[in-house]
Amino acid sequence: MTKEGLIRRTVEALERLPEGRIQEIADFAEFVLKKNEDQLHPQHAGESALTQHAMRLSESSLNEDWENEDDAHWDSFLE
């Protein structure tokens, strides 16, 4: 069955369930998604997707502050 078919079948089943059971399934889906993200990006395991996205967005702007000639002499202390 295709991904779209599975999604359609799942939505049809969800529509027949009471709200409490739907919440359980939604929580489980979020758990599986989080587990999958952690396996794809183990260096960021446990961080929320929003935190990871914010880190990636800020990296280029912070890089301008981190990589400059005035602070180059401090780099030797980190090696």
PDB file of N, CA and C in Angstrom:
ATOM      1  N   MET A   1       0.848  -1.174   0.000  1.00  0.00           N
ATOM      2  CA  MET A   1       0.000   0.000   0.000  1.00  0.00           C
ATOM      3  C   MET A   1       0.897   1.242   0.000  1.00  0.00           C
ATOM      4  N   THR A   2       0.467   2.274  -0.690  1.00  0.00           N
ATOM      5  CA  THR A   2       1.251   3.498  -0.775  1.00  0.00           C
ATOM      6  C   THR A   2       1.150   4.294   0.526  1.00  0.00           C
ATOM      7  N   LYS A   3       2.051   5.247   0.688  1.00  0.00           N
ATOM      8  CA  LYS A   3       2.030   6.119   1.862  1.00  0.00           C
ATOM      9  C   LYS A   3       0.694   6.854   1.953  1.00  0.00           C
ATOM     10  N   GLU A   4       0.239   7.372   0.815  1.00  0.00           N
ATOM     11  CA  GLU A   4      -1.029   8.097   0.798  1.00  0.00           C
ATOM     12  C   GLU A   4      -2.194   7.186   1.189  1.00  0.00           C
ATOM     13  N   GLY A   5      -2.156   5.948   0.717  1.00  0.00           N
ATOM     14  CA  GLY A   5      -3.195   4.985   1.063  1.00  0.00           C
ATOM     15  C   GLY A   5      -3.202   4.663   2.546  1.00  0.00           C
ATOM     16  N   LEU A   6      -2.026   4.493   3.104  1.00  0.00           N
ATOM     17  CA  LEU A   6      -1.927   4.224   4.544  1.00  0.00           C
ATOM     18  C   LEU A   6      -2.432   5.403   5.359  1.00  0.00           C
ATOM     19  N   ILE A   7      -2.084   6.603   4.931  1.00  0.00           N
ATOM     20  CA  ILE A   7      -2.551   7.796   5.648  1.00  0.00           C
ATOM     21  C   ILE A   7      -4.072   7.882   5.582  1.00  0.00           C
ATOM     22  N   ARG A   8      -4.632   7.677   4.412  1.00  0.00           N
ATOM     23  CA  ARG A   8      -6.088   7.737   4.237  1.00  0.00           C
ATOM     24  C   ARG A   8      -6.771   6.687   5.119  1.00  0.00           C
ATOM     25  N   ARG A   9      -6.242   5.462   5.106  1.00  0.00           N
ATOM     26  CA  ARG A   9      -6.821   4.379   5.913  1.00  0.00           C
ATOM     27  C   ARG A   9      -6.747   4.708   7.403  1.00  0.00           C
ATOM     28  N   THR A  10      -5.621   5.290   7.817  1.00  0.00           N
ATOM     29  CA  THR A  10      -5.447   5.653   9.227  1.00  0.00           C
ATOM     30  C   THR A  10      -6.410   6.759   9.628  1.00  0.00           C
ATOM     31  N   VAL A  11      -6.549   7.768   8.789  1.00  0.00           N
ATOM     32  CA  VAL A  11      -7.482   8.866   9.089  1.00  0.00           C
ATOM     33  C   VAL A  11      -8.909   8.337   9.184  1.00  0.00           C
ATOM     34  N   GLU A  12      -9.290   7.448   8.294  1.00  0.00           N
ATOM     35  CA  GLU A  12     -10.630   6.864   8.340  1.00  0.00           C
ATOM     36  C   GLU A  12     -10.850   6.113   9.648  1.00  0.00           C
ATOM     37  N   ALA A  13      -9.843   5.382  10.113  1.00  0.00           N
ATOM     38  CA  ALA A  13      -9.959   4.670  11.386  1.00  0.00           C
ATOM     39  C   ALA A  13     -10.020   5.654  12.553  1.00  0.00           C
ATOM     40  N   LEU A  14      -9.219   6.706  12.495  1.00  0.00           N
ATOM     41  CA  LEU A  14      -9.212   7.711  13.561  1.00  0.00           C
ATOM     42  C   LEU A  14     -10.569   8.389  13.700  1.00  0.00           C
ATOM     43  N   GLU A  15     -11.225   8.643  12.586  1.00  0.00           N
ATOM     44  CA  GLU A  15     -12.519   9.315  12.612  1.00  0.00           C
ATOM     45  C   GLU A  15     -13.581   8.507  13.349  1.00  0.00           C
ATOM     46  N   ARG A  16     -13.379   7.201  13.480  1.00  0.00           N
ATOM     47  CA  ARG A  16     -14.360   6.336  14.165  1.00  0.00           C
ATOM     48  C   ARG A  16     -14.047   6.161  15.646  1.00  0.00           C
ATOM     49  N   LEU A  17     -12.904   6.646  16.113  1.00  0.00           N
ATOM     50  CA  LEU A  17     -12.500   6.462  17.502  1.00  0.00           C
ATOM     51  C   LEU A  17     -12.940   7.627  18.382  1.00  0.00           C
ATOM     52  N   PRO A  18     -13.111   7.356  19.690  1.00  0.00           N
ATOM     53  CA  PRO A  18     -13.402   8.456  20.617  1.00  0.00           C
ATOM     54  C   PRO A  18     -12.152   9.339  20.793  1.00  0.00           C
ATOM     55  N   GLU A  19     -12.380  10.573  21.218  1.00  0.00           N
ATOM     56  CA  GLU A  19     -11.306  11.561  21.299  1.00  0.00           C
ATOM     57  C   GLU A  19     -10.121  11.098  22.154  1.00  0.00           C
ATOM     58  N   GLY A  20     -10.383  10.422  23.255  1.00  0.00           N
ATOM     59  CA  GLY A  20      -9.298   9.955  24.125  1.00  0.00           C
ATOM     60  C   GLY A  20      -8.360   8.992  23.420  1.00  0.00           C
ATOM     61  N   ARG A  21      -8.917   8.111  22.620  1.00  0.00           N
ATOM     62  CA  ARG A  21      -8.096   7.150  21.874  1.00  0.00           C
ATOM     63  C   ARG A  21      -7.305   7.850  20.767  1.00  0.00           C
ATOM     64  N   ILE A  22      -7.918   8.855  20.151  1.00  0.00           N
ATOM     65  CA  ILE A  22      -7.208   9.619  19.121  1.00  0.00           C
ATOM     66  C   ILE A  22      -5.991  10.303  19.733  1.00  0.00           C
ATOM     67  N   GLN A  23      -6.158  10.839  20.940  1.00  0.00           N
ATOM     68  CA  GLN A  23      -5.031  11.490  21.624  1.00  0.00           C
ATOM     69  C   GLN A  23      -3.901  10.496  21.888  1.00  0.00           C
ATOM     70  N   GLU A  24      -4.253   9.280  22.281  1.00  0.00           N
ATOM     71  CA  GLU A  24      -3.241   8.247  22.504  1.00  0.00           C
ATOM     72  C   GLU A  24      -2.444   7.972  21.228  1.00  0.00           C
ATOM     73  N   ILE A  25      -3.160   7.868  20.132  1.00  0.00           N
ATOM     74  CA  ILE A  25      -2.500   7.585  18.851  1.00  0.00           C
ATOM     75  C   ILE A  25      -1.645   8.767  18.422  1.00  0.00           C
ATOM     76  N   ALA A  26      -2.147   9.995  18.631  1.00  0.00           N
ATOM     77  CA  ALA A  26      -1.363  11.188  18.295  1.00  0.00           C
ATOM     78  C   ALA A  26      -0.088  11.242  19.132  1.00  0.00           C
ATOM     79  N   ASP A  27      -0.200  10.920  20.428  1.00  0.00           N
ATOM     80  CA  ASP A  27       0.983  10.898  21.295  1.00  0.00           C
ATOM     81  C   ASP A  27       1.984   9.849  20.816  1.00  0.00           C
ATOM     82  N   PHE A  28       1.484   8.678  20.438  1.00  0.00           N
ATOM     83  CA  PHE A  28       2.362   7.622  19.955  1.00  0.00           C
ATOM     84  C   PHE A  28       3.052   8.040  18.661  1.00  0.00           C
ATOM     85  N   ALA A  29       2.296   8.671  17.760  1.00  0.00           N
ATOM     86  CA  ALA A  29       2.892   9.127  16.501  1.00  0.00           C
ATOM     87  C   ALA A  29       3.999  10.144  16.777  1.00  0.00           C
ATOM     88  N   GLU A  30       3.788  11.056  17.716  1.00  0.00           N
ATOM     89  CA  GLU A  30       4.815  12.034  18.081  1.00  0.00           C
ATOM     90  C   GLU A  30       6.043  11.330  18.671  1.00  0.00           C
ATOM     91  N   PHE A  31       5.805  10.297  19.480  1.00  0.00           N
ATOM     92  CA  PHE A  31       6.898   9.522  20.059  1.00  0.00           C
ATOM     93  C   PHE A  31       7.732   8.860  18.966  1.00  0.00           C
ATOM     94  N   VAL A  32       7.061   8.233  18.010  1.00  0.00           N
ATOM     95  CA  VAL A  32       7.762   7.557  16.910  1.00  0.00           C
ATOM     96  C   VAL A  32       8.534   8.573  16.073  1.00  0.00           C
ATOM     97  N   LEU A  33       7.922   9.719  15.810  1.00  0.00           N
ATOM     98  CA  LEU A  33       8.583  10.768  15.040  1.00  0.00           C
ATOM     99  C   LEU A  33       9.828  11.267  15.777  1.00  0.00           C
ATOM    100  N   LYS A  34       9.716  11.505  17.075  1.00  0.00           N
ATOM    101  CA  LYS A  34      10.855  11.967  17.882  1.00  0.00           C
ATOM    102  C   LYS A  34      11.967  10.921  17.883  1.00  0.00           C
ATOM    103  N   LYS A  35      11.602   9.668  18.034  1.00  0.00           N
ATOM    104  CA  LYS A  35      12.582   8.588  18.022  1.00  0.00           C
ATOM    105  C   LYS A  35      13.312   8.539  16.678  1.00  0.00           C
ATOM    106  N   ASN A  36      12.571   8.700  15.599  1.00  0.00           N
ATOM    107  CA  ASN A  36      13.152   8.701  14.265  1.00  0.00           C
ATOM    108  C   ASN A  36      14.115   9.880  14.097  1.00  0.00           C
ATOM    109  N   GLU A  37      13.720  11.068  14.555  1.00  0.00           N
ATOM    110  CA  GLU A  37      14.589  12.249  14.460  1.00  0.00           C
ATOM    111  C   GLU A  37      15.861  12.049  15.271  1.00  0.00           C
ATOM    112  N   ASP A  38      15.736  11.459  16.452  1.00  0.00           N
ATOM    113  CA  ASP A  38      16.907  11.212  17.295  1.00  0.00           C
ATOM    114  C   ASP A  38      17.876  10.249  16.624  1.00  0.00           C
ATOM    115  N   GLN A  39      17.348   9.257  15.905  1.00  0.00           N
ATOM    116  CA  GLN A  39      18.207   8.302  15.209  1.00  0.00           C
ATOM    117  C   GLN A  39      18.893   8.942  14.011  1.00  0.00           C
ATOM    118  N   LEU A  40      18.211   9.875  13.345  1.00  0.00           N
ATOM    119  CA  LEU A  40      18.799  10.559  12.203  1.00  0.00           C
ATOM    120  C   LEU A  40      19.833  11.596  12.621  1.00  0.00           C
ATOM    121  N   HIS A  41      19.624  12.202  13.794  1.00  0.00           N
ATOM    122  CA  HIS A  41      20.508  13.265  14.278  1.00  0.00           C
ATOM    123  C   HIS A  41      20.872  13.007  15.742  1.00  0.00           C
ATOM    124  N   PRO A  42      21.684  11.985  16.020  1.00  0.00           N
ATOM    125  CA  PRO A  42      21.966  11.621  17.419  1.00  0.00           C
ATOM    126  C   PRO A  42      22.661  12.730  18.204  1.00  0.00           C
ATOM    127  N   GLN A  43      23.362  13.634  17.523  1.00  0.00           N
ATOM    128  CA  GLN A  43      24.043  14.710  18.239  1.00  0.00           C
ATOM    129  C   GLN A  43      23.043  15.681  18.864  1.00  0.00           C
ATOM    130  N   HIS A  44      21.799  15.662  18.404  1.00  0.00           N
ATOM    131  CA  HIS A  44      20.770  16.538  18.939  1.00  0.00           C
ATOM    132  C   HIS A  44      19.648  15.767  19.629  1.00  0.00           C
ATOM    133  N   ALA A  45      19.886  14.539  20.006  1.00  0.00           N
ATOM    134  CA  ALA A  45      18.857  13.721  20.637  1.00  0.00           C
ATOM    135  C   ALA A  45      18.351  14.409  21.895  1.00  0.00           C
ATOM    136  N   GLY A  46      17.064  14.430  22.071  1.00  0.00           N
ATOM    137  CA  GLY A  46      16.455  15.039  23.242  1.00  0.00           C
ATOM    138  C   GLY A  46      16.093  16.500  23.053  1.00  0.00           C
ATOM    139  N   GLU A  47      16.605  17.139  22.035  1.00  0.00           N
ATOM    140  CA  GLU A  47      16.250  18.530  21.773  1.00  0.00           C
ATOM    141  C   GLU A  47      14.970  18.569  20.945  1.00  0.00           C
ATOM    142  N   SER A  48      14.170  19.579  21.178  1.00  0.00           N
ATOM    143  CA  SER A  48      12.950  19.709  20.386  1.00  0.00           C
ATOM    144  C   SER A  48      13.296  20.138  18.967  1.00  0.00           C
ATOM    145  N   ALA A  49      12.384  19.884  18.064  1.00  0.00           N
ATOM    146  CA  ALA A  49      12.593  20.289  16.676  1.00  0.00           C
ATOM    147  C   ALA A  49      12.735  21.797  16.578  1.00  0.00           C
ATOM    148  N   LEU A  50      11.985  22.519  17.416  1.00  0.00           N
ATOM    149  CA  LEU A  50      12.077  23.976  17.401  1.00  0.00           C
ATOM    150  C   LEU A  50      13.463  24.437  17.838  1.00  0.00           C
ATOM    151  N   THR A  51      14.022  23.805  18.862  1.00  0.00           N
ATOM    152  CA  THR A  51      15.364  24.142  19.329  1.00  0.00           C
ATOM    153  C   THR A  51      16.389  23.858  18.239  1.00  0.00           C
ATOM    154  N   GLN A  52      16.280  22.712  17.589  1.00  0.00           N
ATOM    155  CA  GLN A  52      17.214  22.369  16.521  1.00  0.00           C
ATOM    156  C   GLN A  52      17.129  23.364  15.370  1.00  0.00           C
ATOM    157  N   HIS A  53      15.912  23.757  15.011  1.00  0.00           N
ATOM    158  CA  HIS A  53      15.729  24.698  13.921  1.00  0.00           C
ATOM    159  C   HIS A  53      16.324  26.059  14.291  1.00  0.00           C
ATOM    160  N   ALA A  54      16.092  26.504  15.511  1.00  0.00           N
ATOM    161  CA  ALA A  54      16.639  27.788  15.965  1.00  0.00           C
ATOM    162  C   ALA A  54      18.164  27.757  15.954  1.00  0.00           C
ATOM    163  N   MET A  55      18.747  26.636  16.352  1.00  0.00           N
ATOM    164  CA  MET A  55      20.208  26.521  16.344  1.00  0.00           C
ATOM    165  C   MET A  55      20.748  26.645  14.925  1.00  0.00           C
ATOM    166  N   ARG A  56      20.099  25.981  13.977  1.00  0.00           N
ATOM    167  CA  ARG A  56      20.563  26.052  12.589  1.00  0.00           C
ATOM    168  C   ARG A  56      20.412  27.454  12.015  1.00  0.00           C
ATOM    169  N   LEU A  57      19.310  28.132  12.366  1.00  0.00           N
ATOM    170  CA  LEU A  57      19.097  29.482  11.859  1.00  0.00           C
ATOM    171  C   LEU A  57      20.114  30.474  12.413  1.00  0.00           C
ATOM    172  N   SER A  58      20.480  30.315  13.672  1.00  0.00           N
ATOM    173  CA  SER A  58      21.382  31.282  14.297  1.00  0.00           C
ATOM    174  C   SER A  58      22.848  31.008  13.976  1.00  0.00           C
ATOM    175  N   GLU A  59      23.165  29.832  13.504  1.00  0.00           N
ATOM    176  CA  GLU A  59      24.562  29.464  13.286  1.00  0.00           C
ATOM    177  C   GLU A  59      25.278  30.414  12.330  1.00  0.00           C
ATOM    178  N   SER A  60      24.664  30.763  11.210  1.00  0.00           N
ATOM    179  CA  SER A  60      25.350  31.615  10.239  1.00  0.00           C
ATOM    180  C   SER A  60      25.563  33.023  10.779  1.00  0.00           C
ATOM    181  N   SER A  61      24.593  33.563  11.499  1.00  0.00           N
ATOM    182  CA  SER A  61      24.782  34.917  12.028  1.00  0.00           C
ATOM    183  C   SER A  61      25.796  34.933  13.166  1.00  0.00           C
ATOM    184  N   LEU A  62      25.796  33.900  13.993  1.00  0.00           N
ATOM    185  CA  LEU A  62      26.780  33.838  15.083  1.00  0.00           C
ATOM    186  C   LEU A  62      28.176  33.565  14.551  1.00  0.00           C
ATOM    187  N   ASN A  63      28.266  32.882  13.429  1.00  0.00           N
ATOM    188  CA  ASN A  63      29.562  32.578  12.844  1.00  0.00           C
ATOM    189  C   ASN A  63      30.339  33.857  12.538  1.00  0.00           C
ATOM    190  N   GLU A  64      29.625  34.926  12.162  1.00  0.00           N
ATOM    191  CA  GLU A  64      30.277  36.209  11.905  1.00  0.00           C
ATOM    192  C   GLU A  64      30.958  36.734  13.166  1.00  0.00           C
ATOM    193  N   ASP A  65      30.338  36.490  14.331  1.00  0.00           N
ATOM    194  CA  ASP A  65      30.938  36.931  15.599  1.00  0.00           C
ATOM    195  C   ASP A  65      32.077  36.012  16.032  1.00  0.00           C
ATOM    196  N   TRP A  66      31.945  34.723  15.753  1.00  0.00           N
ATOM    197  CA  TRP A  66      32.950  33.765  16.201  1.00  0.00           C
ATOM    198  C   TRP A  66      34.204  33.798  15.344  1.00  0.00           C
ATOM    199  N   GLU A  67      34.046  34.031  14.066  1.00  0.00           N
ATOM    200  CA  GLU A  67      35.173  33.987  13.132  1.00  0.00           C
ATOM    201  C   GLU A  67      35.560  35.405  12.707  1.00  0.00           C
ATOM    202  N   ASN A  68      36.462  36.029  13.451  1.00  0.00           N
ATOM    203  CA  ASN A  68      36.921  37.361  13.073  1.00  0.00           C
ATOM    204  C   ASN A  68      38.395  37.508  13.443  1.00  0.00           C
ATOM    205  N   GLU A  69      39.043  38.457  12.811  1.00  0.00           N
ATOM    206  CA  GLU A  69      40.484  38.639  13.008  1.00  0.00           C
ATOM    207  C   GLU A  69      40.827  39.070  14.426  1.00  0.00           C
ATOM    208  N   ASP A  70      39.968  39.886  15.047  1.00  0.00           N
ATOM    209  CA  ASP A  70      40.249  40.376  16.398  1.00  0.00           C
ATOM    210  C   ASP A  70      40.352  39.239  17.414  1.00  0.00           C
ATOM    211  N   ASP A  71      39.583  38.202  17.211  1.00  0.00           N
ATOM    212  CA  ASP A  71      39.591  37.084  18.161  1.00  0.00           C
ATOM    213  C   ASP A  71      40.453  35.913  17.707  1.00  0.00           C
ATOM    214  N   ALA A  72      41.150  36.050  16.603  1.00  0.00           N
ATOM    215  CA  ALA A  72      41.920  34.938  16.062  1.00  0.00           C
ATOM    216  C   ALA A  72      42.973  34.430  17.050  1.00  0.00           C
ATOM    217  N   HIS A  73      43.558  35.331  17.830  1.00  0.00           N
ATOM    218  CA  HIS A  73      44.595  34.895  18.783  1.00  0.00           C
ATOM    219  C   HIS A  73      44.021  33.977  19.860  1.00  0.00           C
ATOM    220  N   TRP A  74      42.755  34.076  20.174  1.00  0.00           N
ATOM    221  CA  TRP A  74      42.145  33.214  21.175  1.00  0.00           C
ATOM    222  C   TRP A  74      41.962  31.780  20.647  1.00  0.00           C
ATOM    223  N   ASP A  75      41.895  31.634  19.347  1.00  0.00           N
ATOM    224  CA  ASP A  75      41.727  30.305  18.764  1.00  0.00           C
ATOM    225  C   ASP A  75      42.856  29.351  19.144  1.00  0.00           C
ATOM    226  N   SER A  76      44.050  29.893  19.319  1.00  0.00           N
ATOM    227  CA  SER A  76      45.191  29.030  19.656  1.00  0.00           C
ATOM    228  C   SER A  76      45.027  28.390  21.034  1.00  0.00           C
ATOM    229  N   PHE A  77      44.254  29.009  21.916  1.00  0.00           N
ATOM    230  CA  PHE A  77      44.029  28.441  23.246  1.00  0.00           C
ATOM    231  C   PHE A  77      43.073  27.256  23.210  1.00  0.00           C
ATOM    232  N   LEU A  78      42.287  27.163  22.156  1.00  0.00           N
ATOM    233  CA  LEU A  78      41.303  26.091  22.039  1.00  0.00           C
ATOM    234  C   LEU A  78      41.885  24.831  21.421  1.00  0.00           C
ATOM    235  N   GLU A  79      43.057  24.926  20.864  1.00  0.00           N
ATOM    236  CA  GLU A  79      43.639  23.761  20.184  1.00  0.00           C
ATOM    237  C   GLU A  79      44.440  22.916  21.130  1.00  0.00           C
TER     238      GLU A  79
END
